Amino acid sequence: MPLFLVALGGAAGAVTRYLVDGVVAERAGGAFPWGTLVINLSGSLALGLVFALAIERGVLPSNIRGPLMIGFLGAYTTFSTLMLESWRLWEDGAAGLAVANAFGSVVLGLAAVFVGLTLGRALA
């Protein structure tokens, strides 16, 4: 059952991401990806809030952690996980690892997109 609930949360998160991106992009217009920025920031805020309430304070029941944190927010945006993990490293005194995680994900992610696009364009 927990796996099904995580999947259900993931489906809801993916649909929410699609809807939020569409609404924001339609209203903001322009070339900048405002929808993605709003999703990344709101997802980071939500994951921080849920983490504090569920893990640190124990206010939320443990059985909603998977469906909400992994399923819904994981599908809504994985950026929030990157930010939370980087922040936790920073809080634990591992500032170098925190910066490496954040910077490495962005720089290596851009490099991976470049390689993927280059391969895809060469194969097509």
C-alpha atoms as a PDB file:
ATOM      1  CA  MET A   1       0.000   0.000   0.000  1.00  0.00           C
ATOM      2  CA  PRO A   2       2.748   2.590   0.756  1.00  0.00           C
ATOM      3  CA  LEU A   3       4.132   2.198  -2.763  1.00  0.00           C
ATOM      4  CA  PHE A   4       0.687   2.832  -4.221  1.00  0.00           C
ATOM      5  CA  LEU A   5       0.291   5.971  -2.086  1.00  0.00           C
ATOM      6  CA  VAL A   6       3.698   7.287  -3.207  1.00  0.00           C
ATOM      7  CA  ALA A   7       2.646   6.656  -6.817  1.00  0.00           C
ATOM      8  CA  LEU A   8      -0.671   8.401  -6.215  1.00  0.00           C
ATOM      9  CA  GLY A   9       1.129  11.354  -4.655  1.00  0.00           C
ATOM     10  CA  GLY A  10       3.507  11.412  -7.627  1.00  0.00           C
ATOM     11  CA  ALA A  11       0.631  11.499 -10.083  1.00  0.00           C
ATOM     12  CA  ALA A  12      -0.958  14.398  -8.212  1.00  0.00           C
ATOM     13  CA  GLY A  13       2.368  16.243  -8.050  1.00  0.00           C
ATOM     14  CA  ALA A  14       2.977  15.828 -11.776  1.00  0.00           C
ATOM     15  CA  VAL A  15      -0.488  17.108 -12.642  1.00  0.00           C
ATOM     16  CA  THR A  16      -0.080  20.038 -10.249  1.00  0.00           C
ATOM     17  CA  ARG A  17       3.275  20.907 -11.816  1.00  0.00           C
ATOM     18  CA  TYR A  18       1.712  20.868 -15.272  1.00  0.00           C
ATOM     19  CA  LEU A  19      -1.165  23.105 -14.194  1.00  0.00           C
ATOM     20  CA  VAL A  20       0.954  25.592 -12.230  1.00  0.00           C
ATOM     21  CA  ASP A  21       3.482  25.883 -15.052  1.00  0.00           C
ATOM     22  CA  GLY A  22       0.704  26.504 -17.579  1.00  0.00           C
ATOM     23  CA  VAL A  23      -1.018  29.175 -15.502  1.00  0.00           C
ATOM     24  CA  VAL A  24       2.186  31.015 -14.629  1.00  0.00           C
ATOM     25  CA  ALA A  25       3.613  30.839 -18.155  1.00  0.00           C
ATOM     26  CA  GLU A  26       0.338  32.101 -19.615  1.00  0.00           C
ATOM     27  CA  ARG A  27       0.189  35.059 -17.239  1.00  0.00           C
ATOM     28  CA  ALA A  28       3.881  35.975 -17.253  1.00  0.00           C
ATOM     29  CA  GLY A  29       4.666  35.415 -20.934  1.00  0.00           C
ATOM     30  CA  GLY A  30       8.121  36.141 -22.297  1.00  0.00           C
ATOM     31  CA  ALA A  31      11.115  33.921 -22.844  1.00  0.00           C
ATOM     32  CA  PHE A  32      12.044  33.411 -19.176  1.00  0.00           C
ATOM     33  CA  PRO A  33      10.722  30.127 -17.703  1.00  0.00           C
ATOM     34  CA  TRP A  34       8.686  31.753 -14.917  1.00  0.00           C
ATOM     35  CA  GLY A  35       6.577  28.639 -14.404  1.00  0.00           C
ATOM     36  CA  THR A  36       9.608  26.517 -13.615  1.00  0.00           C
ATOM     37  CA  LEU A  37      10.978  29.164 -11.250  1.00  0.00           C
ATOM     38  CA  VAL A  38       7.665  29.363  -9.376  1.00  0.00           C
ATOM     39  CA  ILE A  39       7.492  25.572  -9.165  1.00  0.00           C
ATOM     40  CA  ASN A  40      11.079  25.245  -7.908  1.00  0.00           C
ATOM     41  CA  LEU A  41      10.656  27.953  -5.277  1.00  0.00           C
ATOM     42  CA  SER A  42       7.213  26.850  -4.078  1.00  0.00           C
ATOM     43  CA  GLY A  43       8.342  23.215  -4.006  1.00  0.00           C
ATOM     44  CA  SER A  44      11.421  24.128  -1.971  1.00  0.00           C
ATOM     45  CA  LEU A  45       9.280  26.115   0.470  1.00  0.00           C
ATOM     46  CA  ALA A  46       6.782  23.265   0.775  1.00  0.00           C
ATOM     47  CA  LEU A  47       9.465  20.599   1.274  1.00  0.00           C
ATOM     48  CA  GLY A  48      11.188  22.664   3.947  1.00  0.00           C
ATOM     49  CA  LEU A  49       7.876  23.186   5.735  1.00  0.00           C
ATOM     50  CA  VAL A  50       6.837  19.532   5.535  1.00  0.00           C
ATOM     51  CA  PHE A  51      10.312  18.329   6.570  1.00  0.00           C
ATOM     52  CA  ALA A  52      10.301  20.558   9.647  1.00  0.00           C
ATOM     53  CA  LEU A  53       6.769  19.526  10.623  1.00  0.00           C
ATOM     54  CA  ALA A  54       7.053  15.814   9.834  1.00  0.00           C
ATOM     55  CA  ILE A  55      10.676  14.921  10.561  1.00  0.00           C
ATOM     56  CA  GLU A  56      12.009  17.504  12.993  1.00  0.00           C
ATOM     57  CA  ARG A  57       8.864  18.291  15.006  1.00  0.00           C
ATOM     58  CA  GLY A  58       6.876  15.086  14.518  1.00  0.00           C
ATOM     59  CA  VAL A  59       3.666  17.065  14.084  1.00  0.00           C
ATOM     60  CA  LEU A  60       2.593  15.280  10.901  1.00  0.00           C
ATOM     61  CA  PRO A  61       2.042  11.514  10.951  1.00  0.00           C
ATOM     62  CA  SER A  62       4.903   9.430   9.593  1.00  0.00           C
ATOM     63  CA  ASN A  63       2.675   7.586   7.109  1.00  0.00           C
ATOM     64  CA  ILE A  64       2.195  10.747   4.991  1.00  0.00           C
ATOM     65  CA  ARG A  65       5.927  11.374   4.560  1.00  0.00           C
ATOM     66  CA  GLY A  66       6.339   9.049   1.592  1.00  0.00           C
ATOM     67  CA  PRO A  67       3.228  10.039  -0.327  1.00  0.00           C
ATOM     68  CA  LEU A  68       3.690  13.765   0.330  1.00  0.00           C
ATOM     69  CA  MET A  69       7.463  14.276   0.362  1.00  0.00           C
ATOM     70  CA  ILE A  70       8.607  11.631  -2.108  1.00  0.00           C
ATOM     71  CA  GLY A  71       5.465  11.259  -4.212  1.00  0.00           C
ATOM     72  CA  PHE A  72       3.785  14.642  -4.498  1.00  0.00           C
ATOM     73  CA  LEU A  73       6.725  16.999  -3.976  1.00  0.00           C
ATOM     74  CA  GLY A  74       9.148  14.663  -5.759  1.00  0.00           C
ATOM     75  CA  ALA A  75       7.008  14.771  -8.876  1.00  0.00           C
ATOM     76  CA  TYR A  76       6.181  18.456  -8.438  1.00  0.00           C
ATOM     77  CA  THR A  77       9.877  19.347  -8.383  1.00  0.00           C
ATOM     78  CA  THR A  78      13.095  17.472  -7.673  1.00  0.00           C
ATOM     79  CA  PHE A  79      14.806  20.851  -7.275  1.00  0.00           C
ATOM     80  CA  SER A  80      13.315  21.060  -3.788  1.00  0.00           C
ATOM     81  CA  THR A  81      15.111  17.842  -2.823  1.00  0.00           C
ATOM     82  CA  LEU A  82      18.402  19.222  -4.135  1.00  0.00           C
ATOM     83  CA  MET A  83      17.916  22.378  -2.088  1.00  0.00           C
ATOM     84  CA  LEU A  84      16.912  20.533   1.107  1.00  0.00           C
ATOM     85  CA  GLU A  85      19.823  18.107   0.845  1.00  0.00           C
ATOM     86  CA  SER A  86      22.258  20.979   0.212  1.00  0.00           C
ATOM     87  CA  TRP A  87      20.850  22.939   3.164  1.00  0.00           C
ATOM     88  CA  ARG A  88      21.063  19.921   5.466  1.00  0.00           C
ATOM     89  CA  LEU A  89      24.716  19.434   4.504  1.00  0.00           C
ATOM     90  CA  TRP A  90      25.327  23.119   5.271  1.00  0.00           C
ATOM     91  CA  GLU A  91      23.558  22.847   8.644  1.00  0.00           C
ATOM     92  CA  ASP A  92      25.607  19.763   9.503  1.00  0.00           C
ATOM     93  CA  GLY A  93      28.799  21.773   9.008  1.00  0.00           C
ATOM     94  CA  ALA A  94      29.648  20.324   5.613  1.00  0.00           C
ATOM     95  CA  ALA A  95      29.601  23.633   3.722  1.00  0.00           C
ATOM     96  CA  GLY A  96      31.980  22.347   1.060  1.00  0.00           C
ATOM     97  CA  LEU A  97      29.751  19.372   0.333  1.00  0.00           C
ATOM     98  CA  ALA A  98      26.671  21.613   0.282  1.00  0.00           C
ATOM     99  CA  VAL A  99      28.237  23.928  -2.295  1.00  0.00           C
ATOM    100  CA  ALA A 100      29.557  20.964  -4.284  1.00  0.00           C
ATOM    101  CA  ASN A 101      26.099  19.378  -4.327  1.00  0.00           C
ATOM    102  CA  ALA A 102      24.307  22.529  -5.467  1.00  0.00           C
ATOM    103  CA  PHE A 103      26.987  23.782  -7.851  1.00  0.00           C
ATOM    104  CA  GLY A 104      27.778  20.312  -9.159  1.00  0.00           C
ATOM    105  CA  SER A 105      24.128  19.566  -9.860  1.00  0.00           C
ATOM    106  CA  VAL A 106      23.701  22.778 -11.824  1.00  0.00           C
ATOM    107  CA  VAL A 107      26.975  22.672 -13.767  1.00  0.00           C
ATOM    108  CA  LEU A 108      27.035  18.936 -14.373  1.00  0.00           C
ATOM    109  CA  GLY A 109      23.307  19.027 -15.137  1.00  0.00           C
ATOM    110  CA  LEU A 110      23.903  21.627 -17.837  1.00  0.00           C
ATOM    111  CA  ALA A 111      26.766  19.522 -19.200  1.00  0.00           C
ATOM    112  CA  ALA A 112      24.538  16.425 -19.202  1.00  0.00           C
ATOM    113  CA  VAL A 113      21.800  18.312 -21.087  1.00  0.00           C
ATOM    114  CA  PHE A 114      24.391  19.446 -23.631  1.00  0.00           C
ATOM    115  CA  VAL A 115      25.653  15.878 -24.130  1.00  0.00           C
ATOM    116  CA  GLY A 116      22.103  14.522 -24.358  1.00  0.00           C
ATOM    117  CA  LEU A 117      21.060  17.165 -26.870  1.00  0.00           C
ATOM    118  CA  THR A 118      24.209  16.575 -28.921  1.00  0.00           C
ATOM    119  CA  LEU A 119      23.611  12.811 -28.975  1.00  0.00           C
ATOM    120  CA  GLY A 120      19.915  13.184 -29.711  1.00  0.00           C
ATOM    121  CA  ARG A 121      20.528  15.620 -32.533  1.00  0.00           C
ATOM    122  CA  ALA A 122      23.231  13.405 -34.012  1.00  0.00           C
ATOM    123  CA  LEU A 123      20.952  10.355 -33.955  1.00  0.00           C
ATOM    124  CA  ALA A 124      17.866  12.041 -35.361  1.00  0.00           C
END
